[in-house]
Amino acid sequence: MESKLVYEEISFSEEKMRKNSLFDSPHLFYDAYCLLPGQSQKVHAHKDSDKVYYVLRGTGRFTDGDEEEDLGEGHAVIARAGVPHGVRNETDENLVLLVTMAPRP
């Protein structure tokens, strides 16, 4: 059985948002995205893949198409294939997201 203790995989970088791989396969990936205050993932789109963000810690400002919303711990949001999406940490606290995307681009 493949298993990971998520909290042990969380790490940050002063330079930019850090993507910490939890699981990876030819079909999907499952990462912990770690954003310090002021860091972001620029708005982008994936032609053929859906992405789900789950807020594990903190609050993120999510962009999904023309919508933008602040979502805190326990919230999940899906970015459907082809829809521009991204996230920013505009708070004074660290932001940790669990992110999965399928199919893998």
PDB file of N, CA and C in Angstrom:
ATOM      1  N   MET A   1       0.837  -1.178   0.000  1.00  0.00           N
ATOM      2  CA  MET A   1       0.000   0.000   0.000  1.00  0.00           C
ATOM      3  C   MET A   1       0.881   1.240   0.000  1.00  0.00           C
ATOM      4  N   GLU A   2       0.571   2.141  -0.888  1.00  0.00           N
ATOM      5  CA  GLU A   2       1.269   3.428  -0.895  1.00  0.00           C
ATOM      6  C   GLU A   2       0.540   4.368   0.051  1.00  0.00           C
ATOM      7  N   SER A   3       1.303   4.993   0.937  1.00  0.00           N
ATOM      8  CA  SER A   3       0.717   5.890   1.928  1.00  0.00           C
ATOM      9  C   SER A   3       1.710   6.984   2.269  1.00  0.00           C
ATOM     10  N   LYS A   4       1.182   8.175   2.551  1.00  0.00           N
ATOM     11  CA  LYS A   4       2.030   9.285   2.977  1.00  0.00           C
ATOM     12  C   LYS A   4       1.315  10.043   4.078  1.00  0.00           C
ATOM     13  N   LEU A   5       2.069  10.543   5.032  1.00  0.00           N
ATOM     14  CA  LEU A   5       1.539  11.441   6.042  1.00  0.00           C
ATOM     15  C   LEU A   5       1.674  12.844   5.470  1.00  0.00           C
ATOM     16  N   VAL A   6       0.569  13.427   5.053  1.00  0.00           N
ATOM     17  CA  VAL A   6       0.571  14.678   4.298  1.00  0.00           C
ATOM     18  C   VAL A   6       1.346  15.772   5.014  1.00  0.00           C
ATOM     19  N   TYR A   7       1.142  15.920   6.319  1.00  0.00           N
ATOM     20  CA  TYR A   7       1.792  17.013   7.044  1.00  0.00           C
ATOM     21  C   TYR A   7       3.320  16.922   7.006  1.00  0.00           C
ATOM     22  N   GLU A   8       3.856  15.722   6.809  1.00  0.00           N
ATOM     23  CA  GLU A   8       5.314  15.576   6.690  1.00  0.00           C
ATOM     24  C   GLU A   8       5.830  15.996   5.321  1.00  0.00           C
ATOM     25  N   GLU A   9       4.940  16.128   4.345  1.00  0.00           N
ATOM     26  CA  GLU A   9       5.325  16.491   2.980  1.00  0.00           C
ATOM     27  C   GLU A   9       5.211  17.987   2.711  1.00  0.00           C
ATOM     28  N   ILE A  10       4.749  18.757   3.680  1.00  0.00           N
ATOM     29  CA  ILE A  10       4.548  20.192   3.496  1.00  0.00           C
ATOM     30  C   ILE A  10       5.871  20.921   3.672  1.00  0.00           C
ATOM     31  N   SER A  11       6.243  21.707   2.655  1.00  0.00           N
ATOM     32  CA  SER A  11       7.425  22.564   2.747  1.00  0.00           C
ATOM     33  C   SER A  11       7.221  23.762   1.841  1.00  0.00           C
ATOM     34  N   PHE A  12       7.858  24.859   2.195  1.00  0.00           N
ATOM     35  CA  PHE A  12       7.694  26.127   1.499  1.00  0.00           C
ATOM     36  C   PHE A  12       9.020  26.586   0.908  1.00  0.00           C
ATOM     37  N   SER A  13       8.935  27.505  -0.056  1.00  0.00           N
ATOM     38  CA  SER A  13      10.112  28.116  -0.667  1.00  0.00           C
ATOM     39  C   SER A  13       9.924  29.627  -0.655  1.00  0.00           C
ATOM     40  N   GLU A  14      10.937  30.341  -0.276  1.00  0.00           N
ATOM     41  CA  GLU A  14      10.872  31.808  -0.286  1.00  0.00           C
ATOM     42  C   GLU A  14      10.787  32.349  -1.715  1.00  0.00           C
ATOM     43  N   GLU A  15      11.284  31.578  -2.693  1.00  0.00           N
ATOM     44  CA  GLU A  15      11.356  32.039  -4.081  1.00  0.00           C
ATOM     45  C   GLU A  15      10.009  32.038  -4.790  1.00  0.00           C
ATOM     46  N   LYS A  16       9.235  30.943  -4.625  1.00  0.00           N
ATOM     47  CA  LYS A  16       7.956  30.829  -5.312  1.00  0.00           C
ATOM     48  C   LYS A  16       7.138  29.713  -4.669  1.00  0.00           C
ATOM     49  N   MET A  17       5.873  29.633  -5.064  1.00  0.00           N
ATOM     50  CA  MET A  17       5.014  28.551  -4.599  1.00  0.00           C
ATOM     51  C   MET A  17       5.714  27.210  -4.819  1.00  0.00           C
ATOM     52  N   ARG A  18       5.616  26.347  -3.826  1.00  0.00           N
ATOM     53  CA  ARG A  18       6.253  25.033  -3.954  1.00  0.00           C
ATOM     54  C   ARG A  18       5.186  23.968  -4.182  1.00  0.00           C
ATOM     55  N   LYS A  19       5.449  23.105  -5.163  1.00  0.00           N
ATOM     56  CA  LYS A  19       4.602  21.949  -5.436  1.00  0.00           C
ATOM     57  C   LYS A  19       5.317  20.716  -4.894  1.00  0.00           C
ATOM     58  N   ASN A  20       4.730  20.095  -3.883  1.00  0.00           N
ATOM     59  CA  ASN A  20       5.296  18.894  -3.277  1.00  0.00           C
ATOM     60  C   ASN A  20       4.480  17.692  -3.753  1.00  0.00           C
ATOM     61  N   SER A  21       5.115  16.810  -4.514  1.00  0.00           N
ATOM     62  CA  SER A  21       4.421  15.651  -5.063  1.00  0.00           C
ATOM     63  C   SER A  21       4.111  14.641  -3.970  1.00  0.00           C
ATOM     64  N   LEU A  22       2.845  14.249  -3.890  1.00  0.00           N
ATOM     65  CA  LEU A  22       2.434  13.202  -2.962  1.00  0.00           C
ATOM     66  C   LEU A  22       2.317  11.869  -3.704  1.00  0.00           C
ATOM     67  N   PHE A  23       1.572  11.869  -4.807  1.00  0.00           N
ATOM     68  CA  PHE A  23       1.441  10.687  -5.651  1.00  0.00           C
ATOM     69  C   PHE A  23       1.436  11.120  -7.109  1.00  0.00           C
ATOM     70  N   ASP A  24       1.972  10.261  -7.955  1.00  0.00           N
ATOM     71  CA  ASP A  24       2.079  10.569  -9.374  1.00  0.00           C
ATOM     72  C   ASP A  24       1.889   9.272 -10.153  1.00  0.00           C
ATOM     73  N   SER A  25       1.088   9.345 -11.187  1.00  0.00           N
ATOM     74  CA  SER A  25       0.905   8.181 -12.051  1.00  0.00           C
ATOM     75  C   SER A  25       0.687   8.688 -13.466  1.00  0.00           C
ATOM     76  N   PRO A  26       0.648   7.792 -14.441  1.00  0.00           N
ATOM     77  CA  PRO A  26       0.361   8.231 -15.809  1.00  0.00           C
ATOM     78  C   PRO A  26      -1.048   8.825 -15.948  1.00  0.00           C
ATOM     79  N   HIS A  27      -1.922   8.603 -14.954  1.00  0.00           N
ATOM     80  CA  HIS A  27      -3.318   9.016 -15.041  1.00  0.00           C
ATOM     81  C   HIS A  27      -3.640  10.304 -14.293  1.00  0.00           C
ATOM     82  N   LEU A  28      -2.884  10.593 -13.218  1.00  0.00           N
ATOM     83  CA  LEU A  28      -3.174  11.776 -12.401  1.00  0.00           C
ATOM     84  C   LEU A  28      -1.957  12.160 -11.586  1.00  0.00           C
ATOM     85  N   PHE A  29      -2.029  13.357 -10.978  1.00  0.00           N
ATOM     86  CA  PHE A  29      -1.075  13.690  -9.933  1.00  0.00           C
ATOM     87  C   PHE A  29      -1.834  14.211  -8.735  1.00  0.00           C
ATOM     88  N   TYR A  30      -1.210  14.097  -7.558  1.00  0.00           N
ATOM     89  CA  TYR A  30      -1.777  14.557  -6.299  1.00  0.00           C
ATOM     90  C   TYR A  30      -0.649  15.238  -5.552  1.00  0.00           C
ATOM     91  N   ASP A  31      -0.747  16.553  -5.401  1.00  0.00           N
ATOM     92  CA  ASP A  31       0.328  17.369  -4.834  1.00  0.00           C
ATOM     93  C   ASP A  31      -0.160  18.175  -3.641  1.00  0.00           C
ATOM     94  N   ALA A  32       0.796  18.633  -2.849  1.00  0.00           N
ATOM     95  CA  ALA A  32       0.541  19.665  -1.843  1.00  0.00           C
ATOM     96  C   ALA A  32       1.187  20.941  -2.373  1.00  0.00           C
ATOM     97  N   TYR A  33       0.369  21.947  -2.673  1.00  0.00           N
ATOM     98  CA  TYR A  33       0.872  23.252  -3.087  1.00  0.00           C
ATOM     99  C   TYR A  33       1.002  24.098  -1.832  1.00  0.00           C
ATOM    100  N   CYS A  34       2.165  24.693  -1.641  1.00  0.00           N
ATOM    101  CA  CYS A  34       2.458  25.463  -0.434  1.00  0.00           C
ATOM    102  C   CYS A  34       2.825  26.885  -0.832  1.00  0.00           C
ATOM    103  N   LEU A  35       2.008  27.838  -0.397  1.00  0.00           N
ATOM    104  CA  LEU A  35       2.183  29.241  -0.769  1.00  0.00           C
ATOM    105  C   LEU A  35       2.395  30.095   0.476  1.00  0.00           C
ATOM    106  N   LEU A  36       3.489  30.804   0.504  1.00  0.00           N
ATOM    107  CA  LEU A  36       3.724  31.788   1.554  1.00  0.00           C
ATOM    108  C   LEU A  36       2.898  33.034   1.248  1.00  0.00           C
ATOM    109  N   PRO A  37       2.697  33.910   2.211  1.00  0.00           N
ATOM    110  CA  PRO A  37       1.969  35.151   1.941  1.00  0.00           C
ATOM    111  C   PRO A  37       2.550  35.877   0.719  1.00  0.00           C
ATOM    112  N   GLY A  38       1.667  36.301  -0.180  1.00  0.00           N
ATOM    113  CA  GLY A  38       2.075  37.026  -1.384  1.00  0.00           C
ATOM    114  C   GLY A  38       2.383  36.144  -2.587  1.00  0.00           C
ATOM    115  N   GLN A  39       2.487  34.846  -2.401  1.00  0.00           N
ATOM    116  CA  GLN A  39       2.792  33.958  -3.524  1.00  0.00           C
ATOM    117  C   GLN A  39       1.513  33.567  -4.265  1.00  0.00           C
ATOM    118  N   SER A  40       1.697  33.136  -5.527  1.00  0.00           N
ATOM    119  CA  SER A  40       0.537  32.783  -6.339  1.00  0.00           C
ATOM    120  C   SER A  40       0.891  31.737  -7.384  1.00  0.00           C
ATOM    121  N   GLN A  41      -0.158  31.153  -7.924  1.00  0.00           N
ATOM    122  CA  GLN A  41      -0.060  30.336  -9.125  1.00  0.00           C
ATOM    123  C   GLN A  41      -0.781  31.143 -10.193  1.00  0.00           C
ATOM    124  N   LYS A  42      -0.065  31.530 -11.221  1.00  0.00           N
ATOM    125  CA  LYS A  42      -0.670  32.390 -12.240  1.00  0.00           C
ATOM    126  C   LYS A  42      -1.860  31.705 -12.907  1.00  0.00           C
ATOM    127  N   VAL A  43      -2.757  32.522 -13.408  1.00  0.00           N
ATOM    128  CA  VAL A  43      -3.942  32.011 -14.097  1.00  0.00           C
ATOM    129  C   VAL A  43      -3.502  31.322 -15.387  1.00  0.00           C
ATOM    130  N   HIS A  44      -3.981  30.116 -15.574  1.00  0.00           N
ATOM    131  CA  HIS A  44      -3.628  29.298 -16.736  1.00  0.00           C
ATOM    132  C   HIS A  44      -4.765  28.306 -16.974  1.00  0.00           C
ATOM    133  N   ALA A  45      -4.687  27.524 -18.014  1.00  0.00           N
ATOM    134  CA  ALA A  45      -5.720  26.524 -18.310  1.00  0.00           C
ATOM    135  C   ALA A  45      -5.067  25.237 -18.806  1.00  0.00           C
ATOM    136  N   HIS A  46      -5.781  24.148 -18.641  1.00  0.00           N
ATOM    137  CA  HIS A  46      -5.368  22.844 -19.147  1.00  0.00           C
ATOM    138  C   HIS A  46      -6.459  22.364 -20.097  1.00  0.00           C
ATOM    139  N   LYS A  47      -6.084  22.142 -21.329  1.00  0.00           N
ATOM    140  CA  LYS A  47      -7.063  21.826 -22.376  1.00  0.00           C
ATOM    141  C   LYS A  47      -7.917  20.596 -22.058  1.00  0.00           C
ATOM    142  N   ASP A  48      -7.295  19.540 -21.565  1.00  0.00           N
ATOM    143  CA  ASP A  48      -7.997  18.270 -21.425  1.00  0.00           C
ATOM    144  C   ASP A  48      -8.046  17.713 -20.006  1.00  0.00           C
ATOM    145  N   SER A  49      -7.681  18.522 -19.003  1.00  0.00           N
ATOM    146  CA  SER A  49      -7.605  18.010 -17.632  1.00  0.00           C
ATOM    147  C   SER A  49      -8.400  18.870 -16.672  1.00  0.00           C
ATOM    148  N   ASP A  50      -9.041  18.209 -15.705  1.00  0.00           N
ATOM    149  CA  ASP A  50      -9.704  18.882 -14.600  1.00  0.00           C
ATOM    150  C   ASP A  50      -8.738  18.932 -13.420  1.00  0.00           C
ATOM    151  N   LYS A  51      -8.824  20.006 -12.628  1.00  0.00           N
ATOM    152  CA  LYS A  51      -7.982  20.151 -11.443  1.00  0.00           C
ATOM    153  C   LYS A  51      -8.882  20.468 -10.253  1.00  0.00           C
ATOM    154  N   VAL A  52      -8.629  19.778  -9.133  1.00  0.00           N
ATOM    155  CA  VAL A  52      -9.350  20.046  -7.897  1.00  0.00           C
ATOM    156  C   VAL A  52      -8.362  20.544  -6.858  1.00  0.00           C
ATOM    157  N   TYR A  53      -8.714  21.674  -6.229  1.00  0.00           N
ATOM    158  CA  TYR A  53      -7.953  22.232  -5.117  1.00  0.00           C
ATOM    159  C   TYR A  53      -8.755  21.991  -3.833  1.00  0.00           C
ATOM    160  N   TYR A  54      -8.091  21.541  -2.776  1.00  0.00           N
ATOM    161  CA  TYR A  54      -8.704  21.409  -1.453  1.00  0.00           C
ATOM    162  C   TYR A  54      -7.857  22.227  -0.483  1.00  0.00           C
ATOM    163  N   VAL A  55      -8.491  23.147   0.229  1.00  0.00           N
ATOM    164  CA  VAL A  55      -7.755  24.012   1.154  1.00  0.00           C
ATOM    165  C   VAL A  55      -7.552  23.261   2.470  1.00  0.00           C
ATOM    166  N   LEU A  56      -6.311  22.880   2.716  1.00  0.00           N
ATOM    167  CA  LEU A  56      -5.961  22.173   3.944  1.00  0.00           C
ATOM    168  C   LEU A  56      -5.674  23.154   5.072  1.00  0.00           C
ATOM    169  N   ARG A  57      -5.007  24.257   4.747  1.00  0.00           N
ATOM    170  CA  ARG A  57      -4.621  25.254   5.751  1.00  0.00           C
ATOM    171  C   ARG A  57      -4.620  26.638   5.119  1.00  0.00           C
ATOM    172  N   GLY A  58      -5.194  27.626   5.788  1.00  0.00           N
ATOM    173  CA  GLY A  58      -5.161  29.002   5.318  1.00  0.00           C
ATOM    174  C   GLY A  58      -6.363  29.357   4.459  1.00  0.00           C
ATOM    175  N   THR A  59      -6.215  30.448   3.711  1.00  0.00           N
ATOM    176  CA  THR A  59      -7.263  30.947   2.815  1.00  0.00           C
ATOM    177  C   THR A  59      -6.625  31.351   1.499  1.00  0.00           C
ATOM    178  N   GLY A  60      -7.204  30.907   0.402  1.00  0.00           N
ATOM    179  CA  GLY A  60      -6.706  31.257  -0.926  1.00  0.00           C
ATOM    180  C   GLY A  60      -7.736  32.072  -1.686  1.00  0.00           C
ATOM    181  N   ARG A  61      -7.254  32.945  -2.550  1.00  0.00           N
ATOM    182  CA  ARG A  61      -8.131  33.665  -3.472  1.00  0.00           C
ATOM    183  C   ARG A  61      -8.063  32.928  -4.803  1.00  0.00           C
ATOM    184  N   PHE A  62      -9.141  32.238  -5.140  1.00  0.00           N
ATOM    185  CA  PHE A  62      -9.189  31.387  -6.313  1.00  0.00           C
ATOM    186  C   PHE A  62      -9.834  32.112  -7.485  1.00  0.00           C
ATOM    187  N   THR A  63      -9.252  31.920  -8.656  1.00  0.00           N
ATOM    188  CA  THR A  63      -9.826  32.384  -9.907  1.00  0.00           C
ATOM    189  C   THR A  63     -10.270  31.157 -10.681  1.00  0.00           C
ATOM    190  N   ASP A  64     -11.506  31.196 -11.177  1.00  0.00           N
ATOM    191  CA  ASP A  64     -12.038  30.123 -12.010  1.00  0.00           C
ATOM    192  C   ASP A  64     -12.881  30.786 -13.086  1.00  0.00           C
ATOM    193  N   GLY A  65     -12.333  30.883 -14.279  1.00  0.00           N
ATOM    194  CA  GLY A  65     -13.015  31.607 -15.354  1.00  0.00           C
ATOM    195  C   GLY A  65     -13.133  33.073 -14.975  1.00  0.00           C
ATOM    196  N   ASP A  66     -14.339  33.613 -15.001  1.00  0.00           N
ATOM    197  CA  ASP A  66     -14.577  35.015 -14.657  1.00  0.00           C
ATOM    198  C   ASP A  66     -14.859  35.214 -13.172  1.00  0.00           C
ATOM    199  N   GLU A  67     -14.861  34.137 -12.404  1.00  0.00           N
ATOM    200  CA  GLU A  67     -15.180  34.233 -10.980  1.00  0.00           C
ATOM    201  C   GLU A  67     -13.915  34.266 -10.132  1.00  0.00           C
ATOM    202  N   GLU A  68     -14.025  34.951  -8.996  1.00  0.00           N
ATOM    203  CA  GLU A  68     -12.925  35.014  -8.042  1.00  0.00           C
ATOM    204  C   GLU A  68     -13.535  34.968  -6.647  1.00  0.00           C
ATOM    205  N   GLU A  69     -12.969  34.124  -5.777  1.00  0.00           N
ATOM    206  CA  GLU A  69     -13.532  33.982  -4.437  1.00  0.00           C
ATOM    207  C   GLU A  69     -12.453  33.553  -3.452  1.00  0.00           C
ATOM    208  N   ASP A  70     -12.542  34.072  -2.220  1.00  0.00           N
ATOM    209  CA  ASP A  70     -11.683  33.638  -1.130  1.00  0.00           C
ATOM    210  C   ASP A  70     -12.293  32.392  -0.505  1.00  0.00           C
ATOM    211  N   LEU A  71     -11.504  31.317  -0.400  1.00  0.00           N
ATOM    212  CA  LEU A  71     -11.973  30.064   0.179  1.00  0.00           C
ATOM    213  C   LEU A  71     -11.004  29.611   1.258  1.00  0.00           C
ATOM    214  N   GLY A  72     -11.552  29.197   2.394  1.00  0.00           N
ATOM    215  CA  GLY A  72     -10.732  28.780   3.521  1.00  0.00           C
ATOM    216  C   GLY A  72     -10.725  27.278   3.726  1.00  0.00           C
ATOM    217  N   GLU A  73     -10.155  26.895   4.863  1.00  0.00           N
ATOM    218  CA  GLU A  73      -9.962  25.490   5.206  1.00  0.00           C
ATOM    219  C   GLU A  73     -11.245  24.684   5.050  1.00  0.00           C
ATOM    220  N   GLY A  74     -11.093  23.525   4.423  1.00  0.00           N
ATOM    221  CA  GLY A  74     -12.212  22.618   4.228  1.00  0.00           C
ATOM    222  C   GLY A  74     -12.942  22.798   2.914  1.00  0.00           C
ATOM    223  N   HIS A  75     -12.664  23.876   2.194  1.00  0.00           N
ATOM    224  CA  HIS A  75     -13.312  24.109   0.903  1.00  0.00           C
ATOM    225  C   HIS A  75     -12.558  23.395  -0.217  1.00  0.00           C
ATOM    226  N   ALA A  76     -13.324  22.933  -1.202  1.00  0.00           N
ATOM    227  CA  ALA A  76     -12.750  22.360  -2.417  1.00  0.00           C
ATOM    228  C   ALA A  76     -13.333  23.111  -3.601  1.00  0.00           C
ATOM    229  N   VAL A  77     -12.517  23.272  -4.638  1.00  0.00           N
ATOM    230  CA  VAL A  77     -12.978  23.943  -5.852  1.00  0.00           C
ATOM    231  C   VAL A  77     -12.423  23.179  -7.049  1.00  0.00           C
ATOM    232  N   ILE A  78     -13.230  23.072  -8.092  1.00  0.00           N
ATOM    233  CA  ILE A  78     -12.788  22.381  -9.300  1.00  0.00           C
ATOM    234  C   ILE A  78     -12.606  23.387 -10.427  1.00  0.00           C
ATOM    235  N   ALA A  79     -11.521  23.224 -11.146  1.00  0.00           N
ATOM    236  CA  ALA A  79     -11.264  23.980 -12.380  1.00  0.00           C
ATOM    237  C   ALA A  79     -11.429  22.979 -13.518  1.00  0.00           C
ATOM    238  N   ARG A  80     -12.488  23.131 -14.272  1.00  0.00           N
ATOM    239  CA  ARG A  80     -12.784  22.210 -15.372  1.00  0.00           C
ATOM    240  C   ARG A  80     -11.815  22.422 -16.538  1.00  0.00           C
ATOM    241  N   ALA A  81     -11.627  21.394 -17.311  1.00  0.00           N
ATOM    242  CA  ALA A  81     -10.732  21.462 -18.474  1.00  0.00           C
ATOM    243  C   ALA A  81     -11.069  22.674 -19.328  1.00  0.00           C
ATOM    244  N   GLY A  82     -10.022  23.399 -19.731  1.00  0.00           N
ATOM    245  CA  GLY A  82     -10.174  24.542 -20.620  1.00  0.00           C
ATOM    246  C   GLY A  82     -10.522  25.854 -19.937  1.00  0.00           C
ATOM    247  N   VAL A  83     -10.857  25.828 -18.639  1.00  0.00           N
ATOM    248  CA  VAL A  83     -11.240  27.046 -17.921  1.00  0.00           C
ATOM    249  C   VAL A  83     -10.001  27.646 -17.240  1.00  0.00           C
ATOM    250  N   PRO A  84      -9.708  28.921 -17.499  1.00  0.00           N
ATOM    251  CA  PRO A  84      -8.565  29.559 -16.838  1.00  0.00           C
ATOM    252  C   PRO A  84      -8.767  29.570 -15.314  1.00  0.00           C
ATOM    253  N   HIS A  85      -7.697  29.231 -14.596  1.00  0.00           N
ATOM    254  CA  HIS A  85      -7.764  29.143 -13.140  1.00  0.00           C
ATOM    255  C   HIS A  85      -6.418  29.467 -12.523  1.00  0.00           C
ATOM    256  N   GLY A  86      -6.447  29.806 -11.250  1.00  0.00           N
ATOM    257  CA  GLY A  86      -5.227  30.078 -10.501  1.00  0.00           C
ATOM    258  C   GLY A  86      -5.590  30.381  -9.063  1.00  0.00           C
ATOM    259  N   VAL A  87      -4.572  30.614  -8.239  1.00  0.00           N
ATOM    260  CA  VAL A  87      -4.791  30.896  -6.819  1.00  0.00           C
ATOM    261  C   VAL A  87      -3.706  31.834  -6.306  1.00  0.00           C
ATOM    262  N   ARG A  88      -4.105  32.700  -5.372  1.00  0.00           N
ATOM    263  CA  ARG A  88      -3.171  33.634  -4.734  1.00  0.00           C
ATOM    264  C   ARG A  88      -3.331  33.552  -3.220  1.00  0.00           C
ATOM    265  N   ASN A  89      -2.235  33.761  -2.519  1.00  0.00           N
ATOM    266  CA  ASN A  89      -2.292  33.876  -1.065  1.00  0.00           C
ATOM    267  C   ASN A  89      -2.133  35.350  -0.727  1.00  0.00           C
ATOM    268  N   GLU A  90      -3.252  36.003  -0.452  1.00  0.00           N
ATOM    269  CA  GLU A  90      -3.237  37.427  -0.138  1.00  0.00           C
ATOM    270  C   GLU A  90      -3.384  37.676   1.358  1.00  0.00           C
ATOM    271  N   THR A  91      -3.117  36.643   2.178  1.00  0.00           N
ATOM    272  CA  THR A  91      -3.235  36.768   3.623  1.00  0.00           C
ATOM    273  C   THR A  91      -1.845  36.842   4.244  1.00  0.00           C
ATOM    274  N   ASP A  92      -1.805  36.941   5.563  1.00  0.00           N
ATOM    275  CA  ASP A  92      -0.539  36.939   6.301  1.00  0.00           C
ATOM    276  C   ASP A  92      -0.174  35.550   6.806  1.00  0.00           C
ATOM    277  N   GLU A  93      -0.952  34.546   6.415  1.00  0.00           N
ATOM    278  CA  GLU A  93      -0.721  33.178   6.866  1.00  0.00           C
ATOM    279  C   GLU A  93      -0.331  32.291   5.692  1.00  0.00           C
ATOM    280  N   ASN A  94       0.355  31.192   5.995  1.00  0.00           N
ATOM    281  CA  ASN A  94       0.714  30.225   4.958  1.00  0.00           C
ATOM    282  C   ASN A  94      -0.540  29.538   4.429  1.00  0.00           C
ATOM    283  N   LEU A  95      -0.486  29.157   3.159  1.00  0.00           N
ATOM    284  CA  LEU A  95      -1.586  28.473   2.486  1.00  0.00           C
ATOM    285  C   LEU A  95      -1.095  27.110   2.014  1.00  0.00           C
ATOM    286  N   VAL A  96      -1.843  26.056   2.356  1.00  0.00           N
ATOM    287  CA  VAL A  96      -1.524  24.700   1.908  1.00  0.00           C
ATOM    288  C   VAL A  96      -2.756  24.127   1.212  1.00  0.00           C
ATOM    289  N   LEU A  97      -2.548  23.679  -0.024  1.00  0.00           N
ATOM    290  CA  LEU A  97      -3.621  23.115  -0.840  1.00  0.00           C
ATOM    291  C   LEU A  97      -3.263  21.684  -1.223  1.00  0.00           C
ATOM    292  N   LEU A  98      -4.244  20.809  -1.197  1.00  0.00           N
ATOM    293  CA  LEU A  98      -4.082  19.491  -1.797  1.00  0.00           C
ATOM    294  C   LEU A  98      -4.683  19.584  -3.182  1.00  0.00           C
ATOM    295  N   VAL A  99      -3.906  19.192  -4.188  1.00  0.00           N
ATOM    296  CA  VAL A  99      -4.298  19.412  -5.582  1.00  0.00           C
ATOM    297  C   VAL A  99      -4.172  18.098  -6.353  1.00  0.00           C
ATOM    298  N   THR A 100      -5.247  17.771  -7.071  1.00  0.00           N
ATOM    299  CA  THR A 100      -5.187  16.624  -7.966  1.00  0.00           C
ATOM    300  C   THR A 100      -5.627  17.047  -9.349  1.00  0.00           C
ATOM    301  N   MET A 101      -5.031  16.444 -10.347  1.00  0.00           N
ATOM    302  CA  MET A 101      -5.389  16.748 -11.728  1.00  0.00           C
ATOM    303  C   MET A 101      -5.452  15.441 -12.506  1.00  0.00           C
ATOM    304  N   ALA A 102      -6.530  15.313 -13.285  1.00  0.00           N
ATOM    305  CA  ALA A 102      -6.705  14.122 -14.112  1.00  0.00           C
ATOM    306  C   ALA A 102      -7.496  14.510 -15.364  1.00  0.00           C
ATOM    307  N   PRO A 103      -7.211  13.887 -16.494  1.00  0.00           N
ATOM    308  CA  PRO A 103      -6.022  13.061 -16.664  1.00  0.00           C
ATOM    309  C   PRO A 103      -4.756  13.917 -16.594  1.00  0.00           C
ATOM    310  N   ARG A 104      -3.677  13.259 -16.298  1.00  0.00           N
ATOM    311  CA  ARG A 104      -2.388  13.953 -16.195  1.00  0.00           C
ATOM    312  C   ARG A 104      -2.052  14.586 -17.546  1.00  0.00           C
ATOM    313  N   PRO A 105      -1.671  15.877 -17.527  1.00  0.00           N
ATOM    314  CA  PRO A 105      -1.343  16.530 -18.808  1.00  0.00           C
ATOM    315  C   PRO A 105      -0.043  16.006 -19.410  1.00  0.00           C
TER     316      PRO A 105
END
